[in-house]
Protein backbone atom coordinates (compact mmCIF):
# COMPACT_ATOMS: atom_id res chain seq x y z
CA UNK A 1 42.64 -81.20 53.50
CA UNK A 2 46.35 -80.68 53.19
CA UNK A 3 49.22 -83.03 54.19
CA UNK A 4 52.87 -82.09 54.16
CA UNK A 5 54.30 -85.53 53.14
CA UNK A 6 54.63 -87.27 49.83
CA UNK A 7 52.11 -90.08 49.44
CA UNK A 8 53.14 -93.73 48.70
CA UNK A 9 53.96 -95.63 45.68
CA UNK A 10 51.19 -97.14 43.48
CA UNK A 11 50.07 -93.73 42.24
CA UNK A 12 48.70 -92.79 38.86
CA UNK A 13 50.63 -90.13 36.86
CA UNK A 14 49.72 -87.29 34.50
CA UNK A 15 52.72 -85.63 32.84
CA UNK A 16 51.83 -81.96 32.55
CA UNK A 17 55.04 -81.03 30.59
CA UNK A 18 56.74 -83.74 28.63
CA UNK A 19 60.25 -83.62 27.18
CA UNK A 20 61.21 -83.62 23.60
CA UNK A 21 64.35 -85.65 24.31
CA UNK A 22 64.62 -88.38 26.96
CA UNK A 23 67.77 -88.03 29.01
CA UNK A 24 69.32 -90.50 31.57
CA UNK A 25 68.12 -89.45 35.12
CA UNK A 26 71.02 -88.29 37.40
CA UNK A 27 70.73 -91.32 39.71
CA UNK A 28 71.70 -93.85 36.97
CA UNK A 29 73.82 -91.98 34.37
CA UNK A 30 77.42 -93.06 34.00
CA UNK A 31 78.69 -92.50 30.49
CA UNK A 32 80.85 -95.26 28.91
CA UNK A 33 84.48 -94.27 28.43
CA UNK A 34 85.41 -93.39 24.85
CA UNK A 35 88.41 -94.64 22.92
CA UNK A 36 91.76 -92.90 22.32
CA UNK A 37 91.51 -89.22 22.00
CA UNK A 38 94.35 -86.82 21.13
CA UNK A 39 95.75 -84.56 23.84
CA UNK A 40 97.28 -81.23 23.00
CA UNK A 41 101.03 -81.15 24.00
CA UNK A 42 101.88 -77.55 23.92
CA UNK A 43 104.99 -76.91 21.83
CA UNK A 44 105.59 -80.54 21.44
CA UNK A 45 107.99 -79.94 18.61
CA UNK A 46 109.98 -77.42 20.65
CA UNK A 47 109.65 -74.84 17.80
CA UNK A 48 108.90 -71.87 20.20
CA UNK A 49 110.29 -69.40 20.70
CA UNK A 50 111.52 -69.03 17.22
CA UNK A 51 115.22 -70.14 16.86
CA UNK A 52 118.00 -68.37 15.04
CA UNK A 53 120.51 -70.60 13.63
CA UNK A 54 120.89 -74.32 14.22
CA UNK A 55 122.00 -74.28 17.84
CA UNK A 56 122.67 -75.62 20.25
CA UNK A 57 121.34 -72.80 22.42
CA UNK A 58 120.37 -72.93 26.05
CA UNK A 59 116.78 -71.45 26.31
CA UNK A 60 113.60 -71.74 28.21
CA UNK A 61 111.27 -73.32 25.79
CA UNK A 62 107.66 -72.08 25.60
CA UNK A 63 105.19 -74.09 27.77
CA UNK A 64 107.89 -76.16 29.22
CA UNK A 65 109.77 -75.93 32.49
CA UNK A 66 113.63 -76.39 32.50
CA UNK A 67 116.37 -74.66 30.54
CA UNK A 68 117.99 -77.14 28.15
CA UNK A 69 120.08 -77.26 24.85
CA UNK A 70 117.94 -76.94 21.75
CA UNK A 71 118.90 -77.91 18.14
CA UNK A 72 117.30 -77.31 14.89
CA UNK A 73 115.89 -80.35 12.94
CA UNK A 74 118.80 -80.23 10.59
CA UNK A 75 121.48 -79.87 13.38
CA UNK A 76 119.85 -82.78 15.30
CA UNK A 77 119.90 -85.08 12.25
CA UNK A 78 116.09 -85.28 11.87
CA UNK A 79 114.21 -85.64 8.69
CA UNK A 80 110.98 -84.25 10.28
CA UNK A 81 110.07 -80.77 11.36
CA UNK A 82 110.53 -81.16 15.08
CA UNK A 83 113.31 -79.47 16.86
CA UNK A 84 115.19 -81.58 19.46
CA UNK A 85 116.22 -80.91 23.03
CA UNK A 86 119.38 -82.27 24.80
CA UNK A 87 118.61 -82.76 28.45
CA UNK A 88 121.41 -81.17 30.46
CA UNK A 89 123.27 -83.64 32.60
CA UNK A 90 123.16 -84.01 36.45
CA UNK A 91 119.55 -84.72 36.79
CA UNK A 92 118.30 -81.67 34.87
CA UNK A 93 114.54 -82.04 33.94
CA UNK A 94 112.18 -80.93 31.17
CA UNK A 95 108.47 -81.08 32.07
CA UNK A 96 104.96 -79.86 31.21
CA UNK A 97 101.55 -80.40 32.48
CA UNK A 98 99.20 -82.13 30.14
CA UNK A 99 96.26 -79.68 29.86
CA UNK A 100 92.79 -81.06 30.22
CA UNK A 101 93.78 -84.64 31.15
CA UNK A 102 91.67 -85.77 34.15
CA UNK A 103 92.68 -88.07 36.96
CA UNK A 104 92.05 -91.68 35.98
CA UNK A 105 92.67 -91.21 32.23
CA UNK A 106 94.85 -93.85 30.53
CA UNK A 107 97.54 -91.65 28.67
CA UNK A 108 100.00 -92.91 26.10
CA UNK A 109 103.06 -90.74 25.18
CA UNK A 110 104.95 -91.23 21.93
CA UNK A 111 108.25 -89.50 21.07
CA UNK A 112 111.66 -90.11 19.77
CA UNK A 113 115.02 -90.11 21.34
CA UNK A 114 118.70 -90.03 20.25
CA UNK A 115 122.09 -89.91 21.73
CA UNK A 116 123.73 -86.47 21.70
CA UNK A 117 124.78 -84.97 18.41
CA UNK A 118 126.97 -82.34 20.15
CA UNK A 119 130.47 -81.93 18.76
CA UNK A 120 131.69 -81.98 22.26
CA UNK A 121 130.99 -85.74 22.64
CA UNK A 122 133.55 -88.43 22.50
CA UNK A 123 132.94 -92.07 21.76
CA UNK A 124 132.91 -93.05 25.47
CA UNK A 125 129.94 -90.73 25.98
CA UNK A 126 127.61 -92.31 23.39
CA UNK A 127 128.89 -95.68 22.23
CA UNK A 128 126.63 -97.45 24.84
CA UNK A 129 123.75 -95.11 24.46
CA UNK A 130 122.81 -92.53 26.97
CA UNK A 131 120.39 -92.84 30.02
CA UNK A 132 117.45 -90.82 30.96
CA UNK A 133 114.06 -91.40 32.63
CA UNK A 134 110.46 -90.51 31.69
CA UNK A 135 107.63 -90.49 34.20
CA UNK A 136 104.33 -88.76 34.78
CA UNK A 137 101.93 -88.00 37.70
CA UNK A 138 100.54 -91.42 38.72
CA UNK A 139 102.85 -93.43 36.41
CA UNK A 140 105.93 -95.46 36.98
CA UNK A 141 109.40 -93.97 36.47
CA UNK A 142 110.51 -95.63 33.13
CA UNK A 143 114.37 -95.86 32.63
CA UNK A 144 115.43 -95.56 29.05
CA UNK A 145 118.85 -95.73 27.25
CA UNK A 146 119.13 -94.37 23.86
CA UNK A 147 120.47 -96.15 20.82
CA UNK A 148 124.33 -96.30 20.76
CA UNK A 149 126.25 -94.12 18.41
CA UNK A 150 129.72 -95.61 17.89
CA UNK A 151 132.83 -94.16 16.38
CA UNK A 152 132.27 -90.57 17.49
CA UNK A 153 135.16 -88.21 17.46
CA UNK A 154 135.26 -85.03 19.50
CA UNK A 155 134.79 -81.93 17.35
CA UNK A 156 132.65 -83.67 14.72
CA UNK A 157 128.76 -83.34 15.20
CA UNK A 158 126.78 -86.53 15.27
CA UNK A 159 124.01 -87.36 12.83
CA UNK A 160 121.50 -88.59 15.42
CA UNK A 161 120.30 -92.20 16.07
CA UNK A 162 116.51 -91.46 16.43
CA UNK A 163 114.24 -94.23 17.95
CA UNK A 164 110.59 -94.18 18.61
CA UNK A 165 109.47 -94.62 22.12
CA UNK A 166 106.15 -95.15 24.06
CA UNK A 167 105.28 -94.40 27.59
CA UNK A 168 101.82 -95.31 29.11
CA UNK A 169 100.47 -94.29 32.47
CA UNK A 170 97.20 -93.77 34.40
CA UNK A 171 96.94 -90.10 35.41
CA UNK A 172 97.01 -89.75 39.17
CA UNK A 173 95.90 -86.16 39.24
CA UNK A 174 94.22 -83.56 36.99
CA UNK A 175 96.74 -82.01 34.48
CA UNK A 176 99.42 -84.57 35.18
CA UNK A 177 103.02 -83.56 34.79
CA UNK A 178 105.12 -85.25 32.14
CA UNK A 179 108.89 -85.23 33.04
CA UNK A 180 111.94 -86.07 31.20
CA UNK A 181 115.17 -86.30 33.33
CA UNK A 182 118.76 -86.87 32.22
CA UNK A 183 120.79 -89.53 33.99
CA UNK A 184 124.17 -88.70 32.43
CA UNK A 185 126.42 -88.03 35.50
CA UNK A 186 129.85 -88.60 34.28
CA UNK A 187 132.31 -85.96 35.53
CA UNK A 188 134.12 -85.86 32.12
CA UNK A 189 130.92 -85.67 29.99
CA UNK A 190 130.39 -82.23 28.50
CA UNK A 191 127.18 -80.44 29.59
CA UNK A 192 125.85 -80.61 26.01
CA UNK A 193 126.58 -84.19 25.45
CA UNK A 194 123.36 -85.58 26.77
CA UNK A 195 120.32 -87.59 25.54
CA UNK A 196 117.89 -85.88 23.25
CA UNK A 197 114.13 -85.99 22.75
CA UNK A 198 111.80 -84.70 20.03
CA UNK A 199 108.36 -84.94 18.51
CA UNK A 200 106.31 -85.50 21.56
CA UNK A 201 102.68 -86.62 20.97
CA UNK A 202 99.91 -87.74 23.40
CA UNK A 203 96.56 -89.67 23.29
CA UNK A 204 94.34 -90.56 26.14
CA UNK A 205 91.39 -92.86 27.09
CA UNK A 206 89.52 -90.42 29.27
CA UNK A 207 87.68 -91.74 32.39
CA UNK A 208 83.98 -92.37 32.08
CA UNK A 209 81.96 -89.26 33.11
CA UNK A 210 80.21 -89.84 36.41
CA UNK A 211 76.86 -88.11 36.13
CA UNK A 212 75.80 -89.16 39.68
CA UNK A 213 77.85 -86.44 41.30
CA UNK A 214 75.37 -84.19 43.09
CA UNK A 215 75.23 -80.49 42.06
CA UNK A 216 75.95 -79.36 45.62
CA UNK A 217 79.33 -81.36 45.54
CA UNK A 218 80.87 -80.49 42.12
CA UNK A 219 84.36 -81.28 43.34
CA UNK A 220 87.49 -79.11 44.06
CA UNK A 221 88.44 -76.36 41.61
CA UNK A 222 92.18 -76.01 40.80
CA UNK A 223 94.34 -73.19 39.50
CA UNK A 224 97.61 -73.23 37.76
CA UNK A 225 100.18 -70.63 36.67
CA UNK A 226 102.04 -72.16 33.72
CA UNK A 227 103.03 -75.59 34.86
CA UNK A 228 102.92 -74.72 38.53
CA UNK A 229 99.98 -75.55 40.79
CA UNK A 230 98.64 -72.50 42.75
CA UNK A 231 98.02 -72.95 46.48
CA UNK A 232 94.64 -71.02 46.20
CA UNK A 233 92.28 -69.86 43.48
CA UNK A 234 92.53 -66.22 44.34
CA UNK A 235 95.29 -65.17 41.89
CA UNK A 236 93.72 -66.94 38.94
CA UNK A 237 90.35 -65.57 39.75
CA UNK A 238 91.85 -62.02 40.11
CA UNK A 239 93.57 -62.45 36.75
CA UNK A 240 90.13 -63.01 35.15
CA UNK A 241 88.53 -60.00 36.97
CA UNK A 242 88.36 -57.87 33.71
CA UNK A 243 85.89 -57.77 30.84
CA UNK A 244 88.22 -59.56 28.38
CA UNK A 245 90.82 -60.74 30.73
CA UNK A 246 90.03 -64.46 30.45
CA UNK A 247 88.26 -66.82 28.11
CA UNK A 248 86.19 -69.76 29.35
CA UNK A 249 87.05 -72.97 27.41
CA UNK A 250 84.38 -75.63 27.97
CA UNK A 251 85.23 -79.32 27.72
CA UNK A 252 82.45 -80.86 25.76
CA UNK A 253 83.54 -84.39 26.64
CA UNK A 254 82.73 -83.94 30.31
CA UNK A 255 79.75 -81.56 29.97
CA UNK A 256 76.20 -82.97 29.79
CA UNK A 257 72.57 -82.20 30.42
CA UNK A 258 70.32 -84.30 32.65
CA UNK A 259 67.13 -84.38 34.77
CA UNK A 260 67.39 -83.69 38.37
CA UNK A 261 66.05 -85.67 41.17
CA UNK A 262 62.10 -85.29 41.53
CA UNK A 263 60.76 -83.12 44.21
CA UNK A 264 57.22 -82.32 45.39
CA UNK A 265 56.16 -78.75 44.73
CA UNK A 266 53.18 -77.24 46.50
CA UNK A 267 50.98 -79.14 49.05
CA UNK A 268 49.60 -82.66 49.09
CA UNK A 269 45.76 -82.75 49.01
CA UNK A 270 43.84 -85.59 50.62
CA UNK A 271 40.09 -86.30 49.85
CA UNK A 272 38.54 -87.54 53.02
CA UNK A 273 34.90 -87.01 51.65
CA UNK A 274 32.52 -89.38 50.00
CA UNK A 275 32.61 -87.45 46.74
CA UNK A 276 35.10 -86.55 44.08
CA UNK A 277 36.65 -83.03 44.68
CA UNK A 278 37.48 -80.73 41.92
CA UNK A 279 39.63 -77.57 42.42
CA UNK A 280 42.21 -75.40 40.86
CA UNK A 281 45.65 -74.85 42.49
CA UNK A 282 48.49 -72.40 41.70
CA UNK A 283 52.15 -73.72 41.40
CA UNK A 284 55.30 -71.83 41.59
CA UNK A 285 58.82 -73.25 41.29
CA UNK A 286 62.32 -72.08 40.60
CA UNK A 287 65.84 -73.38 39.89
CA UNK A 288 69.37 -71.93 40.68
CA UNK A 289 72.91 -72.58 39.61
CA UNK A 290 75.79 -74.13 41.52
CA UNK A 291 79.66 -73.73 40.90
CA UNK A 292 82.66 -75.62 42.13
CA UNK A 293 84.62 -72.41 42.79
CA UNK A 294 82.30 -71.23 45.52
CA UNK A 295 82.11 -74.83 46.87
CA UNK A 296 85.82 -75.09 47.07
CA UNK A 297 86.04 -71.92 49.13
CA UNK A 298 83.22 -73.18 51.32
CA UNK A 299 84.82 -76.65 51.93
CA UNK A 300 88.07 -74.99 52.91
CA UNK A 301 86.20 -72.73 55.34
CA UNK A 302 87.38 -69.60 53.40
CA UNK A 303 85.38 -66.57 52.65
CA UNK A 304 84.55 -66.38 49.02
CA UNK A 305 86.66 -63.71 47.36
CA UNK A 306 84.81 -60.86 45.53
CA UNK A 307 86.61 -61.71 42.21
CA UNK A 308 85.46 -65.28 42.32
CA UNK A 309 81.73 -64.75 42.99
CA UNK A 310 79.49 -66.22 40.23
CA UNK A 311 75.67 -65.74 40.11
CA UNK A 312 75.03 -68.93 42.15
CA UNK A 313 73.81 -67.73 45.47
CA UNK A 314 70.12 -68.69 44.97
CA UNK A 315 69.11 -65.25 45.82
CA UNK A 316 67.55 -63.79 42.75
CA UNK A 317 68.30 -60.18 43.46
CA UNK A 318 71.88 -60.91 44.33
CA UNK A 319 72.45 -63.10 41.34
CA UNK A 320 71.00 -60.52 38.96
CA UNK A 321 73.64 -58.08 40.28
CA UNK A 322 76.45 -60.59 39.82
CA UNK A 323 75.42 -61.32 36.26
CA UNK A 324 75.99 -57.68 35.44
CA UNK A 325 79.08 -56.94 37.63
CA UNK A 326 81.09 -60.25 37.37
CA UNK A 327 83.35 -60.53 34.37
CA UNK A 328 83.75 -64.26 34.97
CA UNK A 329 79.92 -64.71 34.64
CA UNK A 330 80.09 -62.92 31.29
CA UNK A 331 83.04 -64.88 30.10
CA UNK A 332 81.37 -68.18 30.93
CA UNK A 333 78.02 -67.25 29.29
CA UNK A 334 79.66 -66.00 26.15
CA UNK A 335 81.64 -69.24 25.76
CA UNK A 336 78.66 -71.43 26.44
CA UNK A 337 76.52 -69.68 23.88
CA UNK A 338 79.23 -69.82 21.27
CA UNK A 339 79.82 -73.55 21.92
CA UNK A 340 76.08 -74.73 22.19
CA UNK A 341 74.35 -72.04 20.11
CA UNK A 342 71.91 -71.17 22.82
CA UNK A 343 72.04 -68.71 25.83
CA UNK A 344 73.02 -69.75 29.31
CA UNK A 345 70.57 -69.09 32.18
CA UNK A 346 71.75 -68.81 35.77
CA UNK A 347 68.28 -69.24 37.11
CA UNK A 348 64.75 -70.10 36.07
CA UNK A 349 61.33 -69.94 37.60
CA UNK A 350 57.69 -70.59 36.47
CA UNK A 351 54.14 -70.54 37.75
CA UNK A 352 50.99 -72.10 36.50
CA UNK A 353 47.54 -73.19 37.53
CA UNK A 354 46.38 -76.83 37.29
CA UNK A 355 43.05 -78.41 37.74
CA UNK A 356 42.70 -81.43 39.91
CA UNK A 357 40.00 -84.04 40.39
CA UNK A 358 40.61 -86.22 43.45
CA UNK A 359 38.51 -89.34 43.96
CA UNK A 360 37.33 -90.33 47.50
CA UNK A 361 40.05 -92.04 49.52
CA UNK A 362 42.84 -90.64 47.24
CA UNK A 363 45.62 -88.20 47.38
CA UNK A 364 46.89 -85.69 44.87
CA UNK A 365 50.28 -83.97 44.53
CA UNK A 366 52.63 -82.53 41.81
CA UNK A 367 56.35 -83.39 41.22
CA UNK A 368 58.97 -81.52 39.39
CA UNK A 369 61.92 -83.08 37.64
CA UNK A 370 64.08 -80.05 36.57
CA UNK A 371 66.03 -80.09 33.27
CA UNK A 372 69.55 -79.06 34.11
CA UNK A 373 73.04 -78.71 32.45
CA UNK A 374 76.54 -79.32 33.78
CA UNK A 375 79.47 -77.53 32.11
CA UNK A 376 83.10 -78.22 32.99
CA UNK A 377 86.06 -76.22 31.67
CA UNK A 378 88.77 -73.68 32.27
CA UNK A 379 88.96 -69.88 32.65
CA UNK A 380 92.23 -69.06 30.84
CA UNK A 381 93.90 -65.69 30.95
CA UNK A 382 94.72 -64.03 27.63
CA UNK A 383 98.43 -64.43 28.31
CA UNK A 384 97.91 -68.20 28.88
CA UNK A 385 99.59 -68.04 32.21
CA UNK A 386 96.65 -68.59 34.63
CA UNK A 387 94.21 -71.30 34.30
CA UNK A 388 91.27 -71.88 36.58
CA UNK A 389 89.21 -75.03 36.46
CA UNK A 390 85.51 -74.80 37.18
CA UNK A 391 82.32 -76.91 36.94
CA UNK A 392 79.01 -74.96 36.70
CA UNK A 393 75.57 -76.56 37.02
CA UNK A 394 72.46 -74.67 36.21
CA UNK A 395 68.90 -74.98 34.78
CA UNK A 396 68.87 -76.03 31.01
CA UNK A 397 67.11 -74.56 28.10
CA UNK A 398 67.95 -77.60 25.98
CA UNK A 399 64.74 -79.55 27.01
CA UNK A 400 61.74 -78.48 29.21
CA UNK A 401 61.28 -79.54 32.84
CA UNK A 402 59.15 -82.54 33.67
CA UNK A 403 56.05 -81.58 35.68
CA UNK A 404 54.02 -84.52 36.89
CA UNK A 405 50.60 -84.40 38.47
CA UNK A 406 49.88 -87.53 40.60
CA UNK A 407 47.13 -89.27 42.31
CA UNK A 408 47.27 -92.31 44.54
CA UNK A 409 45.95 -94.23 47.51
CA UNK A 410 46.26 -92.87 51.11
CA UNK A 411 48.93 -94.26 53.47
CA UNK A 412 47.67 -95.81 56.70
CA UNK A 413 48.50 -92.61 58.65
CA UNK A 414 46.33 -90.61 56.17
CA UNK A 415 43.55 -93.06 56.55
CA UNK A 416 43.59 -92.77 60.31
CA UNK A 417 43.52 -88.95 59.94
CA UNK A 418 40.60 -89.12 57.74
CA UNK A 419 38.48 -91.18 60.22
CA UNK A 420 39.47 -89.08 63.20
CA UNK A 421 36.83 -87.18 65.15
CA UNK A 422 36.36 -83.52 64.15
CA UNK A 423 37.20 -80.94 66.75
CA UNK A 424 34.23 -80.42 69.12
CA UNK A 425 33.61 -79.76 72.93
CA UNK A 426 31.26 -80.71 75.80
CA UNK A 427 27.66 -79.52 76.62
CA UNK A 428 27.92 -79.19 80.44
CA UNK A 429 24.04 -78.45 80.86
CA UNK A 430 21.10 -80.28 78.92
CA UNK A 431 23.40 -82.46 76.83
CA UNK A 432 20.60 -85.08 76.45
CA UNK A 433 17.59 -82.70 76.61
CA UNK A 434 15.46 -82.24 73.53
CA UNK A 435 15.47 -78.72 72.12
CA UNK A 436 12.73 -76.81 73.95
CA UNK A 437 12.23 -73.77 71.80
CA UNK A 438 12.93 -72.19 68.58
CA UNK A 439 14.28 -68.59 67.81
CA UNK A 440 12.61 -68.21 64.53
CA UNK A 441 11.14 -64.75 64.16
CA UNK A 442 12.20 -63.58 67.51
CA UNK A 443 14.61 -61.04 66.18
CA UNK A 444 14.49 -58.48 63.37
CA UNK A 445 16.02 -59.70 60.23
CA UNK A 446 17.84 -57.25 58.17
CA UNK A 447 16.60 -56.41 54.63
CA UNK A 448 18.03 -58.46 51.80
CA UNK A 449 20.37 -56.39 49.59
CA UNK A 450 21.02 -58.83 46.74
CA UNK A 451 19.72 -57.73 43.29
CA UNK A 452 16.27 -58.98 42.38
CA UNK A 453 15.06 -59.51 45.98
CA UNK A 454 12.26 -57.95 47.91
CA UNK A 455 12.39 -56.63 51.29
CA UNK A 456 10.39 -58.45 53.94
CA UNK A 457 8.92 -57.26 57.18
CA UNK A 458 8.35 -59.70 60.00
CA UNK A 459 6.09 -58.96 62.91
CA UNK A 460 7.08 -60.73 66.12
CA UNK A 461 4.28 -62.89 67.79
CA UNK A 462 3.03 -61.68 71.16
């Protein structure tokens, strides 16, 4: 007898496929936050593009937004190798997004500042220090005044009064923007006589990884061009629509493997007889992948663009086509294999036969806990201009699935089903009358055809 519902608790368990490594189940896994970790500040020494001479030169500095005055280490009075940038006055800014920092991270910025070394400065410009602000997405605006530099004479460059500074904030968004803003507004102050910054370094305490997020709700993907956030994912996805146009960079800190929620595969069998039942059943099961890019389009009620389609439809034939046709699928798989030294699989399936012995009054069923893997990272174009964040969740080859064969007592509903009358009907005539005749030998019986039997002839009685 078959029953479509999962039987109750109190069941016995046989594990058909055990795992070599025990992983925390999805429902309870929240990793502890690690300690301080370095964050790459691109061009934090302001050395790119390469500089000719000592400056100052007004230039757009690589990976930073905002044109400001740049000085060589020697011209800025520094003993280290970092160049220095003088923030042009009247609210001019210099800013950059901190790549890879996730919302909720505790970020600490260290850097150095100095009053201007420009030969255009006079004593009144720098003898009380120079004001500027530093802020970041989610953090306070911190007002800072540089150290004073007394006795300056116009026409003579300063030697720099460099002071170490620290700014700490909790990121209010992914890839938060770090911004320095000049607050020198004096009408007589020369444009180059403004506060200077150098040697920017960053560490973070990243937020704990929440492994309870369901694979069908992987979050919203984001796209950036340089430091600017893109309104949609389309341009970034299109930039990666070439065989070697982008490289996927996984973030190992936020990637993990886990066991998915258990589900019943096949039917539930109920033994309503007085004897044990033994039988063999065939099982088939499969797993598919999910990705945050497709979910972002879906949540916005937008059609998924051709360039952004990864092999995560759940349709085996369609996904096979996408593996071969989608450059982003290849870029992701290559990066995964290089990082974890094993191939990525977009889907998996298996089939097997199991033998069951069901005792009287018991129920038998099979559960699957699939082994899965979640990878977070960025598709980055070769020119480093476009970045597309993605989370991809798929079946894992790291450890085998858990396939569990269970038996247990019936529910009350199942017990009622077992004692129910079998299907029957009425006898309109002679319901209580004893059988009055027999049909034995009244009809010709066909000859037996099984091997080793003899044909028999029956003569009807007159």
